[in-house]
PDB file of N, CA and C in Angstrom:
ATOM      1  N   MET A   1       0.855  -1.163   0.000  1.00  0.00           N
ATOM      2  CA  MET A   1       0.000   0.000   0.000  1.00  0.00           C
ATOM      3  C   MET A   1       0.908   1.235   0.000  1.00  0.00           C
ATOM      4  N   ALA A   2       0.495   2.233  -0.800  1.00  0.00           N
ATOM      5  CA  ALA A   2       1.234   3.493  -0.856  1.00  0.00           C
ATOM      6  C   ALA A   2       0.237   4.634  -1.012  1.00  0.00           C
ATOM      7  N   VAL A   3       0.618   5.812  -0.520  1.00  0.00           N
ATOM      8  CA  VAL A   3      -0.242   6.989  -0.653  1.00  0.00           C
ATOM      9  C   VAL A   3       0.607   8.157  -1.139  1.00  0.00           C
ATOM     10  N   LEU A   4       0.005   8.980  -1.984  1.00  0.00           N
ATOM     11  CA  LEU A   4       0.668  10.174  -2.493  1.00  0.00           C
ATOM     12  C   LEU A   4      -0.303  11.333  -2.362  1.00  0.00           C
ATOM     13  N   SER A   5       0.085  12.346  -1.616  1.00  0.00           N
ATOM     14  CA  SER A   5      -0.721  13.551  -1.496  1.00  0.00           C
ATOM     15  C   SER A   5      -0.159  14.566  -2.481  1.00  0.00           C
ATOM     16  N   VAL A   6      -0.894  14.810  -3.566  1.00  0.00           N
ATOM     17  CA  VAL A   6      -0.426  15.686  -4.637  1.00  0.00           C
ATOM     18  C   VAL A   6      -0.523  17.140  -4.202  1.00  0.00           C
ATOM     19  N   ARG A   7      -1.632  17.493  -3.614  1.00  0.00           N
ATOM     20  CA  ARG A   7      -1.859  18.796  -2.987  1.00  0.00           C
ATOM     21  C   ARG A   7      -2.990  18.590  -1.997  1.00  0.00           C
ATOM     22  N   ALA A   8      -3.391  19.613  -1.313  1.00  0.00           N
ATOM     23  CA  ALA A   8      -4.354  19.439  -0.225  1.00  0.00           C
ATOM     24  C   ALA A   8      -5.626  18.718  -0.663  1.00  0.00           C
ATOM     25  N   ALA A   9      -6.036  18.864  -1.907  1.00  0.00           N
ATOM     26  CA  ALA A   9      -7.313  18.303  -2.341  1.00  0.00           C
ATOM     27  C   ALA A   9      -7.187  17.064  -3.226  1.00  0.00           C
ATOM     28  N   ILE A  10      -5.978  16.609  -3.514  1.00  0.00           N
ATOM     29  CA  ILE A  10      -5.786  15.477  -4.419  1.00  0.00           C
ATOM     30  C   ILE A  10      -4.926  14.424  -3.735  1.00  0.00           C
ATOM     31  N   THR A  11      -5.470  13.215  -3.612  1.00  0.00           N
ATOM     32  CA  THR A  11      -4.744  12.111  -2.984  1.00  0.00           C
ATOM     33  C   THR A  11      -4.850  10.878  -3.866  1.00  0.00           C
ATOM     34  N   VAL A  12      -3.762  10.123  -3.940  1.00  0.00           N
ATOM     35  CA  VAL A  12      -3.728   8.883  -4.713  1.00  0.00           C
ATOM     36  C   VAL A  12      -3.308   7.750  -3.790  1.00  0.00           C
ATOM     37  N   TRP A  13      -4.107   6.687  -3.779  1.00  0.00           N
ATOM     38  CA  TRP A  13      -3.784   5.478  -3.010  1.00  0.00           C
ATOM     39  C   TRP A  13      -3.513   4.350  -3.994  1.00  0.00           C
ATOM     40  N   VAL A  14      -2.508   3.542  -3.714  1.00  0.00           N
ATOM     41  CA  VAL A  14      -2.244   2.337  -4.497  1.00  0.00           C
ATOM     42  C   VAL A  14      -2.328   1.151  -3.547  1.00  0.00           C
ATOM     43  N   ARG A  15      -3.251   0.259  -3.845  1.00  0.00           N
ATOM     44  CA  ARG A  15      -3.448  -0.944  -3.024  1.00  0.00           C
ATOM     45  C   ARG A  15      -3.604  -2.137  -3.956  1.00  0.00           C
ATOM     46  N   SER A  16      -2.842  -3.160  -3.743  1.00  0.00           N
ATOM     47  CA  SER A  16      -2.889  -4.380  -4.561  1.00  0.00           C
ATOM     48  C   SER A  16      -2.819  -4.012  -6.033  1.00  0.00           C
ATOM     49  N   SER A  17      -3.906  -4.228  -6.773  1.00  0.00           N
ATOM     50  CA  SER A  17      -3.909  -3.954  -8.206  1.00  0.00           C
ATOM     51  C   SER A  17      -4.829  -2.791  -8.554  1.00  0.00           C
ATOM     52  N   THR A  18      -5.061  -1.881  -7.594  1.00  0.00           N
ATOM     53  CA  THR A  18      -5.982  -0.772  -7.800  1.00  0.00           C
ATOM     54  C   THR A  18      -5.340   0.553  -7.416  1.00  0.00           C
ATOM     55  N   ILE A  19      -5.601   1.579  -8.233  1.00  0.00           N
ATOM     56  CA  ILE A  19      -5.206   2.947  -7.918  1.00  0.00           C
ATOM     57  C   ILE A  19      -6.479   3.729  -7.643  1.00  0.00           C
ATOM     58  N   SER A  20      -6.543   4.384  -6.496  1.00  0.00           N
ATOM     59  CA  SER A  20      -7.711   5.204  -6.144  1.00  0.00           C
ATOM     60  C   SER A  20      -7.297   6.670  -6.184  1.00  0.00           C
ATOM     61  N   LEU A  21      -7.992   7.450  -7.006  1.00  0.00           N
ATOM     62  CA  LEU A  21      -7.753   8.882  -7.117  1.00  0.00           C
ATOM     63  C   LEU A  21      -8.896   9.590  -6.403  1.00  0.00           C
ATOM     64  N   ILE A  22      -8.556  10.392  -5.401  1.00  0.00           N
ATOM     65  CA  ILE A  22      -9.565  11.081  -4.597  1.00  0.00           C
ATOM     66  C   ILE A  22      -9.415  12.579  -4.822  1.00  0.00           C
ATOM     67  N   THR A  23     -10.473  13.197  -5.381  1.00  0.00           N
ATOM     68  CA  THR A  23     -10.473  14.636  -5.648  1.00  0.00           C
ATOM     69  C   THR A  23     -11.801  15.226  -5.207  1.00  0.00           C
ATOM     70  N   PRO A  24     -11.852  16.530  -4.972  1.00  0.00           N
ATOM     71  CA  PRO A  24     -13.124  17.141  -4.574  1.00  0.00           C
ATOM     72  C   PRO A  24     -14.138  17.176  -5.719  1.00  0.00           C
ATOM     73  N   LEU A  25     -13.673  17.096  -6.954  1.00  0.00           N
ATOM     74  CA  LEU A  25     -14.573  17.183  -8.106  1.00  0.00           C
ATOM     75  C   LEU A  25     -15.257  15.861  -8.427  1.00  0.00           C
ATOM     76  N   THR A  26     -14.557  14.736  -8.224  1.00  0.00           N
ATOM     77  CA  THR A  26     -15.111  13.436  -8.604  1.00  0.00           C
ATOM     78  C   THR A  26     -15.280  12.476  -7.436  1.00  0.00           C
ATOM     79  N   GLY A  27     -14.772  12.827  -6.273  1.00  0.00           N
ATOM     80  CA  GLY A  27     -14.784  11.883  -5.155  1.00  0.00           C
ATOM     81  C   GLY A  27     -13.728  10.823  -5.399  1.00  0.00           C
ATOM     82  N   THR A  28     -14.013   9.593  -5.039  1.00  0.00           N
ATOM     83  CA  THR A  28     -13.055   8.500  -5.230  1.00  0.00           C
ATOM     84  C   THR A  28     -13.356   7.764  -6.525  1.00  0.00           C
ATOM     85  N   VAL A  29     -12.340   7.678  -7.375  1.00  0.00           N
ATOM     86  CA  VAL A  29     -12.450   6.920  -8.623  1.00  0.00           C
ATOM     87  C   VAL A  29     -11.357   5.866  -8.598  1.00  0.00           C
ATOM     88  N   ARG A  30     -11.737   4.618  -8.847  1.00  0.00           N
ATOM     89  CA  ARG A  30     -10.774   3.512  -8.820  1.00  0.00           C
ATOM     90  C   ARG A  30     -10.400   3.113 -10.244  1.00  0.00           C
ATOM     91  N   TYR A  31      -9.113   2.851 -10.444  1.00  0.00           N
ATOM     92  CA  TYR A  31      -8.578   2.450 -11.742  1.00  0.00           C
ATOM     93  C   TYR A  31      -7.766   1.178 -11.576  1.00  0.00           C
ATOM     94  N   PRO A  32      -7.730   0.342 -12.612  1.00  0.00           N
ATOM     95  CA  PRO A  32      -6.801  -0.785 -12.576  1.00  0.00           C
ATOM     96  C   PRO A  32      -5.367  -0.254 -12.602  1.00  0.00           C
ATOM     97  N   LEU A  33      -4.446  -0.994 -12.064  1.00  0.00           N
ATOM     98  CA  LEU A  33      -3.056  -0.569 -11.962  1.00  0.00           C
ATOM     99  C   LEU A  33      -2.447  -0.244 -13.325  1.00  0.00           C
ATOM    100  N   VAL A  34      -2.924  -0.858 -14.383  1.00  0.00           N
ATOM    101  CA  VAL A  34      -2.367  -0.626 -15.719  1.00  0.00           C
ATOM    102  C   VAL A  34      -2.816   0.704 -16.331  1.00  0.00           C
ATOM    103  N   ASP A  35      -3.776   1.401 -15.714  1.00  0.00           N
ATOM    104  CA  ASP A  35      -4.297   2.663 -16.242  1.00  0.00           C
ATOM    105  C   ASP A  35      -3.636   3.885 -15.604  1.00  0.00           C
ATOM    106  N   VAL A  36      -2.333   3.834 -15.438  1.00  0.00           N
ATOM    107  CA  VAL A  36      -1.595   4.932 -14.800  1.00  0.00           C
ATOM    108  C   VAL A  36      -1.771   6.227 -15.585  1.00  0.00           C
ATOM    109  N   ALA A  37      -1.791   6.157 -16.909  1.00  0.00           N
ATOM    110  CA  ALA A  37      -1.946   7.366 -17.732  1.00  0.00           C
ATOM    111  C   ALA A  37      -3.274   8.053 -17.442  1.00  0.00           C
ATOM    112  N   ASP A  38      -4.342   7.280 -17.263  1.00  0.00           N
ATOM    113  CA  ASP A  38      -5.651   7.869 -16.942  1.00  0.00           C
ATOM    114  C   ASP A  38      -5.625   8.555 -15.575  1.00  0.00           C
ATOM    115  N   VAL A  39      -4.927   7.972 -14.632  1.00  0.00           N
ATOM    116  CA  VAL A  39      -4.805   8.566 -13.300  1.00  0.00           C
ATOM    117  C   VAL A  39      -4.071   9.900 -13.385  1.00  0.00           C
ATOM    118  N   VAL A  40      -2.967   9.924 -14.131  1.00  0.00           N
ATOM    119  CA  VAL A  40      -2.197  11.159 -14.278  1.00  0.00           C
ATOM    120  C   VAL A  40      -3.034  12.234 -14.964  1.00  0.00           C
ATOM    121  N   GLU A  41      -3.797  11.869 -15.984  1.00  0.00           N
ATOM    122  CA  GLU A  41      -4.675  12.831 -16.650  1.00  0.00           C
ATOM    123  C   GLU A  41      -5.703  13.395 -15.673  1.00  0.00           C
ATOM    124  N   GLY A  42      -6.244  12.542 -14.813  1.00  0.00           N
ATOM    125  CA  GLY A  42      -7.197  12.999 -13.804  1.00  0.00           C
ATOM    126  C   GLY A  42      -6.568  13.965 -12.814  1.00  0.00           C
ATOM    127  N   ILE A  43      -5.323  13.693 -12.417  1.00  0.00           N
ATOM    128  CA  ILE A  43      -4.607  14.580 -11.491  1.00  0.00           C
ATOM    129  C   ILE A  43      -4.375  15.935 -12.140  1.00  0.00           C
ATOM    130  N   VAL A  44      -3.901  15.937 -13.371  1.00  0.00           N
ATOM    131  CA  VAL A  44      -3.626  17.194 -14.075  1.00  0.00           C
ATOM    132  C   VAL A  44      -4.903  17.991 -14.273  1.00  0.00           C
ATOM    133  N   ARG A  45      -5.979  17.335 -14.694  1.00  0.00           N
ATOM    134  CA  ARG A  45      -7.260  18.003 -14.921  1.00  0.00           C
ATOM    135  C   ARG A  45      -7.779  18.648 -13.626  1.00  0.00           C
ATOM    136  N   CYS A  46      -7.752  17.907 -12.548  1.00  0.00           N
ATOM    137  CA  CYS A  46      -8.238  18.435 -11.269  1.00  0.00           C
ATOM    138  C   CYS A  46      -7.356  19.581 -10.795  1.00  0.00           C
ATOM    139  N   ASN A  47      -6.044  19.440 -10.937  1.00  0.00           N
ATOM    140  CA  ASN A  47      -5.124  20.482 -10.516  1.00  0.00           C
ATOM    141  C   ASN A  47      -5.394  21.774 -11.291  1.00  0.00           C
ATOM    142  N   GLU A  48      -5.621  21.671 -12.599  1.00  0.00           N
ATOM    143  CA  GLU A  48      -5.929  22.842 -13.411  1.00  0.00           C
ATOM    144  C   GLU A  48      -7.254  23.470 -12.986  1.00  0.00           C
ATOM    145  N   ASP A  49      -8.266  22.634 -12.712  1.00  0.00           N
ATOM    146  CA  ASP A  49      -9.561  23.153 -12.271  1.00  0.00           C
ATOM    147  C   ASP A  49      -9.455  23.870 -10.933  1.00  0.00           C
ATOM    148  N   LEU A  50      -8.673  23.319 -10.010  1.00  0.00           N
ATOM    149  CA  LEU A  50      -8.505  23.947  -8.714  1.00  0.00           C
ATOM    150  C   LEU A  50      -7.744  25.274  -8.829  1.00  0.00           C
ATOM    151  N   ASP A  51      -6.772  25.330  -9.736  1.00  0.00           N
ATOM    152  CA  ASP A  51      -6.016  26.576  -9.948  1.00  0.00           C
ATOM    153  C   ASP A  51      -6.870  27.665 -10.589  1.00  0.00           C
ATOM    154  N   ALA A  52      -7.909  27.277 -11.320  1.00  0.00           N
ATOM    155  CA  ALA A  52      -8.758  28.240 -12.017  1.00  0.00           C
ATOM    156  C   ALA A  52      -9.682  28.979 -11.051  1.00  0.00           C
ATOM    157  N   CYS A  53      -9.889  28.433  -9.869  1.00  0.00           N
ATOM    158  CA  CYS A  53     -10.811  29.045  -8.907  1.00  0.00           C
ATOM    159  C   CYS A  53     -10.195  30.230  -8.207  1.00  0.00           C
TER     160      CYS A  53
END
């Protein structure tokens, strides 16, 4: 198990074969471990949205 706090509102958990992306815009979204690119896109999108406020 690993956790990464990207910024105050974005957290990523990795457990077994699942990546959980937690953001204020989408809540918790789970991805298979092979979908790392989708997780990164979600982080970038949320970060840009939070910066726009």
